[in-house]
């Protein structure tokens, strides 16, 4: 598809490698909420490793907007044949289409596969270029006769652009840890001291049970993670999915490419008992912006409270020691509040071609949005921290 308006050209790319990597990443750096997961290296690795490809239900349809030889806007987009790996749930919408004899799939999705990390999705030089990108997305969906288009976990500018195209807005909630400002916590103990007594005691009890099980942690950053370390992590990662009778989204080759192409963005916690490795927790990092993201975990055997220590307490202690500003705990899980992670609203935008279904979804989202606001207000009343003195 090629369209031009005021000297701009919109193109669809069936492979991420067709996009210019330096120009893409330069655009990303200009956005409101850049993240490592929107770097073209990350998106290319998902494709090159066979993790997010047509065969797995993720057919790339990346969009770009150019003016002459200059890339002025771009976004990752996929034709989806299912709704797995998205973390914004529309299964009920698909079911309603099916009951009325209509096809919901394929749909168009603007997202980072398997990655519910909020951040900029529509990479654009300015509002005009972002608007053209939105127009290109809707035109692509309409020309292919798709049921719908969706933009997940975008930033404010993304959803303002979608709202200008009359897309429907949806909100959700995640739980993020914020380092104390203007000065960060001096230590993990200082963080614990800021919590309410019952929350602090529970964390201390859980960490004590892990120590009593004979567990110690090895922390490996970036280039210090060996191929053998990655192999052990991937074994644990597979075991997590196996425990839920599921198949991993990401291949071992994806993590090999990450070790090669984005070495500095990974932090690995390995739990060791005696001389035996028993669990691993992988954290993504943004060293430039001092942000960390909880990603994947697994254990070779069940050990009481090890998950909380490996996935929350050890990473939080590391973040405090390294003066990181935020740790994002991933999708869902209000149990994270008891561990010092607070509710944060997330956003998605949706366009449905069928006018009656669009209205029905709009009515549903209005009710869901009201319930979500009430839920977040209720969460805010259960702050884990002591009142400020």
Protein backbone atom coordinates (compact mmCIF):
# COMPACT_ATOMS: atom_id res chain seq x y z
CA UNK A 1 0.00 0.00 0.00
CA UNK A 2 1.35 3.44 -0.95
CA UNK A 3 -0.40 6.70 -0.24
CA UNK A 4 0.95 10.23 -0.36
CA UNK A 5 -0.27 13.43 1.24
CA UNK A 6 1.73 16.66 1.26
CA UNK A 7 4.82 14.82 0.00
CA UNK A 8 4.49 12.01 2.59
CA UNK A 9 4.50 8.34 1.61
CA UNK A 10 3.00 5.59 3.78
CA UNK A 11 4.34 2.07 3.31
CA UNK A 12 3.59 -1.36 4.74
CA UNK A 13 6.56 -3.62 5.50
CA UNK A 14 6.09 -7.41 5.79
CA UNK A 15 9.41 -7.77 7.65
CA UNK A 16 10.92 -5.53 10.36
CA UNK A 17 14.31 -5.75 8.63
CA UNK A 18 12.95 -3.53 5.83
CA UNK A 19 12.98 -0.57 8.21
CA UNK A 20 16.20 1.47 8.73
CA UNK A 21 17.41 0.58 12.22
CA UNK A 22 19.26 3.84 13.08
CA UNK A 23 16.36 6.01 11.88
CA UNK A 24 13.78 3.89 13.75
CA UNK A 25 15.74 4.03 17.02
CA UNK A 26 16.36 7.76 16.58
CA UNK A 27 12.61 8.31 16.30
CA UNK A 28 12.07 6.14 19.39
CA UNK A 29 14.50 8.25 21.42
CA UNK A 30 12.38 11.35 20.66
CA UNK A 31 9.16 9.89 22.09
CA UNK A 32 7.46 10.49 25.39
CA UNK A 33 7.92 6.94 26.75
CA UNK A 34 10.65 5.06 24.86
CA UNK A 35 11.44 1.54 26.03
CA UNK A 36 13.99 -1.13 25.07
CA UNK A 37 11.15 -3.30 23.77
CA UNK A 38 10.41 -0.84 20.99
CA UNK A 39 13.97 -0.84 19.70
CA UNK A 40 14.07 -2.31 16.24
CA UNK A 41 16.65 -4.89 17.40
CA UNK A 42 14.08 -6.30 19.82
CA UNK A 43 11.30 -6.43 17.23
CA UNK A 44 13.61 -7.94 14.62
CA UNK A 45 14.73 -10.61 17.08
CA UNK A 46 11.12 -11.62 17.67
CA UNK A 47 10.78 -12.11 13.92
CA UNK A 48 14.19 -13.62 13.19
CA UNK A 49 13.82 -16.19 15.98
CA UNK A 50 10.44 -17.38 14.71
CA UNK A 51 8.69 -16.14 17.87
CA UNK A 52 6.44 -13.52 16.25
CA UNK A 53 5.86 -14.57 12.65
CA UNK A 54 2.92 -15.59 10.46
CA UNK A 55 3.23 -19.21 11.58
CA UNK A 56 2.67 -18.22 15.21
CA UNK A 57 -0.22 -15.88 14.39
CA UNK A 58 1.81 -12.66 14.20
CA UNK A 59 2.10 -11.54 10.55
CA UNK A 60 4.20 -8.34 10.46
CA UNK A 61 2.63 -5.34 8.77
CA UNK A 62 4.93 -2.60 10.02
CA UNK A 63 3.98 0.88 8.86
CA UNK A 64 6.27 3.75 7.98
CA UNK A 65 5.74 7.35 6.92
CA UNK A 66 8.51 8.95 4.89
CA UNK A 67 9.12 12.34 3.39
CA UNK A 68 11.74 11.99 0.71
CA UNK A 69 14.47 9.84 2.23
CA UNK A 70 13.56 10.77 5.80
CA UNK A 71 11.66 8.40 8.08
CA UNK A 72 9.21 10.61 9.98
CA UNK A 73 6.96 8.00 11.59
CA UNK A 74 6.76 4.22 12.07
CA UNK A 75 5.10 1.58 14.21
CA UNK A 76 5.06 -2.20 14.72
CA UNK A 77 1.81 -3.70 13.45
CA UNK A 78 0.67 -7.29 12.97
CA UNK A 79 -2.18 -9.19 11.43
CA UNK A 80 -3.32 -11.42 14.27
CA UNK A 81 -5.15 -14.72 13.86
CA UNK A 82 -5.79 -15.03 17.64
CA UNK A 83 -5.58 -12.90 20.79
CA UNK A 84 -2.80 -14.70 22.67
CA UNK A 85 0.22 -12.78 23.93
CA UNK A 86 -1.52 -9.40 24.07
CA UNK A 87 -2.60 -8.87 27.73
CA UNK A 88 -5.54 -6.67 26.73
CA UNK A 89 -8.34 -9.15 26.54
CA UNK A 90 -10.88 -9.12 23.71
CA UNK A 91 -11.93 -12.78 23.72
CA UNK A 92 -15.53 -11.79 24.51
CA UNK A 93 -15.59 -9.52 21.46
CA UNK A 94 -14.32 -12.34 19.26
CA UNK A 95 -16.97 -14.66 20.73
CA UNK A 96 -19.74 -12.18 19.98
CA UNK A 97 -18.60 -11.90 16.37
CA UNK A 98 -18.53 -15.68 16.06
CA UNK A 99 -22.06 -16.06 17.48
CA UNK A 100 -23.31 -13.66 14.81
CA UNK A 101 -21.59 -15.53 12.00
CA UNK A 102 -18.89 -12.87 11.52
CA UNK A 103 -15.12 -13.27 11.43
CA UNK A 104 -13.20 -11.37 14.10
CA UNK A 105 -9.81 -12.66 12.95
CA UNK A 106 -7.60 -11.56 11.38
CA UNK A 107 -7.41 -8.21 13.13
CA UNK A 108 -4.75 -5.50 13.03
CA UNK A 109 -2.67 -5.01 16.16
CA UNK A 110 -0.18 -2.28 17.06
CA UNK A 111 1.79 -3.73 19.94
CA UNK A 112 5.02 -5.34 21.05
CA UNK A 113 4.38 -9.09 20.99
CA UNK A 114 4.18 -10.77 24.40
CA UNK A 115 5.25 -7.52 26.10
CA UNK A 116 2.66 -5.62 28.18
CA UNK A 117 5.07 -2.78 28.96
CA UNK A 118 3.49 0.68 28.55
CA UNK A 119 5.36 2.99 26.21
CA UNK A 120 5.34 4.86 22.93
CA UNK A 121 3.99 2.79 20.04
CA UNK A 122 3.51 5.39 17.29
CA UNK A 123 7.01 6.67 16.69
CA UNK A 124 6.65 10.06 15.05
CA UNK A 125 8.61 13.23 14.46
CA UNK A 126 5.56 15.38 15.20
CA UNK A 127 1.78 15.30 15.59
CA UNK A 128 1.20 15.58 11.85
CA UNK A 129 3.32 12.50 11.13
CA UNK A 130 1.64 10.61 13.95
CA UNK A 131 -1.76 11.47 12.52
CA UNK A 132 -0.72 10.17 9.10
CA UNK A 133 0.43 6.95 10.73
CA UNK A 134 -2.99 6.54 12.36
CA UNK A 135 -4.70 7.20 9.04
CA UNK A 136 -2.47 4.58 7.43
CA UNK A 137 -3.38 2.00 10.06
CA UNK A 138 -7.11 2.54 9.59
CA UNK A 139 -6.78 2.53 5.80
CA UNK A 140 -4.84 -0.73 5.98
CA UNK A 141 -7.56 -2.33 8.11
CA UNK A 142 -10.31 -1.09 5.82
CA UNK A 143 -8.61 -2.12 2.58
CA UNK A 144 -8.04 -5.63 3.87
CA UNK A 145 -11.59 -5.90 5.19
CA UNK A 146 -10.44 -6.51 8.76
CA UNK A 147 -12.86 -6.57 11.66
CA UNK A 148 -10.84 -4.22 13.83
CA UNK A 149 -7.58 -2.49 14.73
CA UNK A 150 -6.07 -2.14 18.19
CA UNK A 151 -3.27 -0.11 19.77
CA UNK A 152 -2.06 -1.54 23.08
CA UNK A 153 -0.18 0.03 26.00
CA UNK A 154 0.59 3.28 24.16
CA UNK A 155 1.56 6.65 25.59
CA UNK A 156 -0.61 9.76 25.85
CA UNK A 157 0.34 11.06 22.40
CA UNK A 158 -0.57 7.69 20.85
CA UNK A 159 -4.02 7.63 22.33
CA UNK A 160 -4.69 11.28 21.56
CA UNK A 161 -3.93 10.47 17.92
CA UNK A 162 -6.24 7.45 18.08
CA UNK A 163 -8.96 9.50 19.75
CA UNK A 164 -8.73 12.03 16.91
CA UNK A 165 -9.60 9.13 14.57
CA UNK A 166 -12.58 8.28 16.86
CA UNK A 167 -11.06 5.05 18.13
CA UNK A 168 -12.54 3.70 21.37
CA UNK A 169 -10.50 4.10 24.55
CA UNK A 170 -9.94 1.40 27.16
CA UNK A 171 -8.07 1.51 30.46
CA UNK A 172 -6.43 -1.11 32.64
CA UNK A 173 -4.10 -1.24 35.63
CA UNK A 174 -0.61 -2.49 36.36
CA UNK A 175 1.61 -2.28 39.43
CA UNK A 176 4.91 -0.39 39.38
CA UNK A 177 7.47 0.38 42.05
CA UNK A 178 8.72 3.96 42.19
CA UNK A 179 11.93 4.92 43.94
CA UNK A 180 11.45 7.56 46.58
CA UNK A 181 11.90 11.12 45.31
CA UNK A 182 13.70 13.52 45.32
CA UNK A 183 16.30 11.15 46.79
CA UNK A 184 16.01 7.41 46.34
CA UNK A 185 15.82 4.90 49.15
CA UNK A 186 19.23 4.54 50.80
CA UNK A 187 18.89 0.76 51.01
CA UNK A 188 16.41 -2.10 50.78
CA UNK A 189 16.05 -1.89 54.57
CA UNK A 190 15.10 1.78 54.21
CA UNK A 191 12.46 0.77 51.68
CA UNK A 192 11.10 -1.84 54.09
CA UNK A 193 11.05 0.72 56.88
CA UNK A 194 8.76 2.91 54.78
CA UNK A 195 6.15 0.14 54.54
CA UNK A 196 3.36 -0.46 57.00
CA UNK A 197 4.37 -2.84 59.77
CA UNK A 198 2.38 -5.87 58.60
CA UNK A 199 3.67 -5.51 55.02
CA UNK A 200 7.25 -5.17 56.22
CA UNK A 201 7.00 -8.19 58.50
CA UNK A 202 5.54 -10.36 55.74
CA UNK A 203 8.40 -9.54 53.36
CA UNK A 204 10.97 -10.19 56.08
CA UNK A 205 9.32 -13.52 56.89
CA UNK A 206 9.29 -14.54 53.22
CA UNK A 207 12.96 -13.65 52.75
CA UNK A 208 13.85 -15.51 55.95
CA UNK A 209 12.14 -18.65 54.66
CA UNK A 210 14.18 -18.44 51.46
CA UNK A 211 17.42 -18.06 53.44
CA UNK A 212 16.43 -20.96 55.73
CA UNK A 213 16.01 -23.09 52.59
CA UNK A 214 19.71 -22.46 51.94
CA UNK A 215 19.17 -20.17 48.95
CA UNK A 216 21.66 -17.52 47.85
CA UNK A 217 21.52 -15.40 44.69
CA UNK A 218 24.00 -14.80 41.93
CA UNK A 219 23.38 -11.59 39.97
CA UNK A 220 24.65 -11.36 36.39
CA UNK A 221 24.53 -8.23 34.26
CA UNK A 222 24.62 -8.02 30.49
CA UNK A 223 27.88 -9.31 29.07
CA UNK A 224 28.49 -11.43 32.18
CA UNK A 225 25.56 -13.71 31.31
CA UNK A 226 27.13 -16.71 29.57
CA UNK A 227 25.48 -19.04 27.06
CA UNK A 228 25.25 -21.63 29.84
CA UNK A 229 23.48 -19.09 32.05
CA UNK A 230 21.00 -18.36 29.27
CA UNK A 231 20.47 -22.11 28.79
CA UNK A 232 19.66 -22.54 32.48
CA UNK A 233 17.32 -19.56 32.44
CA UNK A 234 15.52 -20.90 29.37
CA UNK A 235 15.11 -24.30 31.01
CA UNK A 236 13.42 -22.57 33.97
CA UNK A 237 11.32 -20.43 31.63
CA UNK A 238 10.04 -23.55 29.85
CA UNK A 239 9.19 -25.19 33.19
CA UNK A 240 6.93 -22.25 34.09
CA UNK A 241 4.89 -22.74 30.93
CA UNK A 242 4.90 -26.51 31.35
CA UNK A 243 3.43 -26.11 34.84
CA UNK A 244 0.50 -24.29 33.23
CA UNK A 245 0.20 -26.86 30.43
CA UNK A 246 1.28 -24.24 27.90
CA UNK A 247 4.03 -23.58 25.36
CA UNK A 248 6.55 -20.70 25.64
CA UNK A 249 5.96 -17.76 23.35
CA UNK A 250 9.67 -17.08 22.95
CA UNK A 251 12.23 -19.42 21.44
CA UNK A 252 15.72 -20.06 22.80
CA UNK A 253 17.03 -18.38 19.66
CA UNK A 254 15.28 -15.15 20.66
CA UNK A 255 17.33 -14.95 23.83
CA UNK A 256 20.49 -15.78 21.89
CA UNK A 257 19.77 -12.78 19.68
CA UNK A 258 19.09 -10.64 22.73
CA UNK A 259 22.45 -11.64 24.19
CA UNK A 260 24.08 -10.57 20.93
CA UNK A 261 22.10 -7.47 19.95
CA UNK A 262 20.93 -5.96 23.27
CA UNK A 263 23.53 -7.22 25.71
CA UNK A 264 23.31 -4.30 28.13
CA UNK A 265 19.56 -4.58 28.61
CA UNK A 266 19.43 -7.78 30.66
CA UNK A 267 19.88 -8.69 34.31
CA UNK A 268 19.70 -12.29 35.51
CA UNK A 269 19.12 -13.47 39.09
CA UNK A 270 20.03 -17.11 39.66
CA UNK A 271 18.97 -18.83 42.89
CA UNK A 272 21.51 -21.37 44.15
CA UNK A 273 21.23 -23.95 46.93
CA UNK A 274 24.60 -25.43 47.80
CA UNK A 275 26.18 -25.86 44.38
CA UNK A 276 22.90 -26.44 42.57
CA UNK A 277 21.06 -23.81 40.56
CA UNK A 278 17.34 -24.04 41.31
CA UNK A 279 15.65 -20.96 39.81
CA UNK A 280 16.17 -17.93 37.60
CA UNK A 281 14.53 -14.54 37.19
CA UNK A 282 15.21 -12.37 34.14
CA UNK A 283 14.86 -8.59 34.33
CA UNK A 284 15.05 -6.15 31.44
CA UNK A 285 16.84 -2.84 32.00
CA UNK A 286 16.94 0.60 30.46
CA UNK A 287 20.31 1.82 31.83
CA UNK A 288 20.00 5.25 30.22
CA UNK A 289 16.66 6.06 31.84
CA UNK A 290 17.29 3.88 34.91
CA UNK A 291 14.17 1.77 34.52
CA UNK A 292 13.74 -1.97 35.08
CA UNK A 293 11.06 -4.39 33.96
CA UNK A 294 10.16 -7.75 35.47
CA UNK A 295 9.97 -10.30 32.66
CA UNK A 296 10.35 -14.07 33.13
CA UNK A 297 10.96 -16.58 35.87
CA UNK A 298 11.09 -20.30 36.51
CA UNK A 299 12.27 -22.87 39.06
CA UNK A 300 13.37 -26.48 38.88
CA UNK A 301 11.44 -27.32 42.06
CA UNK A 302 8.92 -25.60 44.34
CA UNK A 303 10.60 -23.65 47.15
CA UNK A 304 8.44 -21.60 49.48
CA UNK A 305 8.49 -17.83 48.84
CA UNK A 306 11.31 -18.10 46.28
CA UNK A 307 9.20 -16.56 43.52
CA UNK A 308 8.59 -13.38 45.53
CA UNK A 309 12.25 -13.06 46.47
CA UNK A 310 13.62 -13.73 42.97
CA UNK A 311 11.07 -11.64 41.09
CA UNK A 312 10.49 -8.71 43.47
CA UNK A 313 12.77 -8.35 46.48
CA UNK A 314 16.10 -9.10 44.82
CA UNK A 315 15.33 -6.86 41.79
CA UNK A 316 14.07 -4.05 44.05
CA UNK A 317 17.22 -4.24 46.17
CA UNK A 318 19.30 -4.09 42.98
CA UNK A 319 17.30 -1.10 41.71
CA UNK A 320 17.83 0.74 44.98
CA UNK A 321 21.57 0.00 45.03
CA UNK A 322 21.90 1.21 41.41
CA UNK A 323 19.66 4.28 41.84
CA UNK A 324 17.03 3.11 39.38
CA UNK A 325 13.83 5.14 39.28
CA UNK A 326 11.17 2.54 38.53
CA UNK A 327 10.55 -1.19 38.46
CA UNK A 328 7.54 -2.38 36.47
CA UNK A 329 6.05 -5.63 37.70
CA UNK A 330 4.28 -6.67 34.49
CA UNK A 331 0.64 -7.41 33.79
CA UNK A 332 -2.00 -7.78 36.52
CA UNK A 333 -1.50 -8.98 40.09
CA UNK A 334 -2.83 -6.79 42.90
CA UNK A 335 -0.80 -8.96 45.32
CA UNK A 336 2.14 -6.82 44.17
CA UNK A 337 0.79 -3.89 46.20
CA UNK A 338 1.75 -5.64 49.43
CA UNK A 339 5.32 -5.62 48.10
CA UNK A 340 5.46 -1.89 47.46
CA UNK A 341 4.26 -1.76 43.84
CA UNK A 342 1.50 0.78 43.31
CA UNK A 343 -1.38 0.88 40.77
CA UNK A 344 -0.73 2.68 37.47
CA UNK A 345 -3.32 3.12 34.73
CA UNK A 346 -2.62 1.66 31.29
CA UNK A 347 -4.40 2.48 28.05
CA UNK A 348 -5.40 0.93 24.74
CA UNK A 349 -7.33 2.19 21.71
CA UNK A 350 -9.67 0.20 19.47
CA UNK A 351 -11.41 0.61 16.12
CA UNK A 352 -14.15 -1.80 14.99
CA UNK A 353 -15.39 -1.72 11.42
CA UNK A 354 -18.92 -2.98 12.09
CA UNK A 355 -20.97 0.01 13.35
CA UNK A 356 -23.31 -2.04 15.55
CA UNK A 357 -20.48 -3.94 17.19
CA UNK A 358 -18.53 -0.71 17.58
CA UNK A 359 -21.45 0.81 19.48
CA UNK A 360 -21.88 -2.30 21.61
CA UNK A 361 -18.18 -2.28 22.51
CA UNK A 362 -18.35 1.46 23.24
CA UNK A 363 -21.20 0.83 25.69
CA UNK A 364 -19.26 -2.01 27.29
CA UNK A 365 -16.10 0.10 27.62
CA UNK A 366 -18.05 2.92 29.26
CA UNK A 367 -19.28 0.52 31.95
CA UNK A 368 -15.90 -1.19 32.26
CA UNK A 369 -14.13 2.17 32.53
CA UNK A 370 -16.38 3.24 35.38
CA UNK A 371 -15.74 -0.05 37.18
CA UNK A 372 -11.99 0.29 36.56
CA UNK A 373 -11.93 3.80 38.05
CA UNK A 374 -13.71 2.49 41.12
CA UNK A 375 -11.26 -0.42 41.36
CA UNK A 376 -8.23 1.88 41.17
CA UNK A 377 -9.74 4.23 43.77
CA UNK A 378 -10.26 1.25 46.06
CA UNK A 379 -6.67 0.13 45.54
CA UNK A 380 -5.45 3.63 46.39
CA UNK A 381 -7.15 3.30 49.77
CA UNK A 382 -4.95 0.32 50.62
CA UNK A 383 -1.54 1.92 50.30
CA UNK A 384 1.25 -0.33 51.61
CA UNK A 385 3.37 2.62 52.76
CA UNK A 386 3.17 4.41 56.09
CA UNK A 387 1.64 7.89 55.95
CA UNK A 388 4.19 10.61 55.29
CA UNK A 389 5.28 12.25 58.51
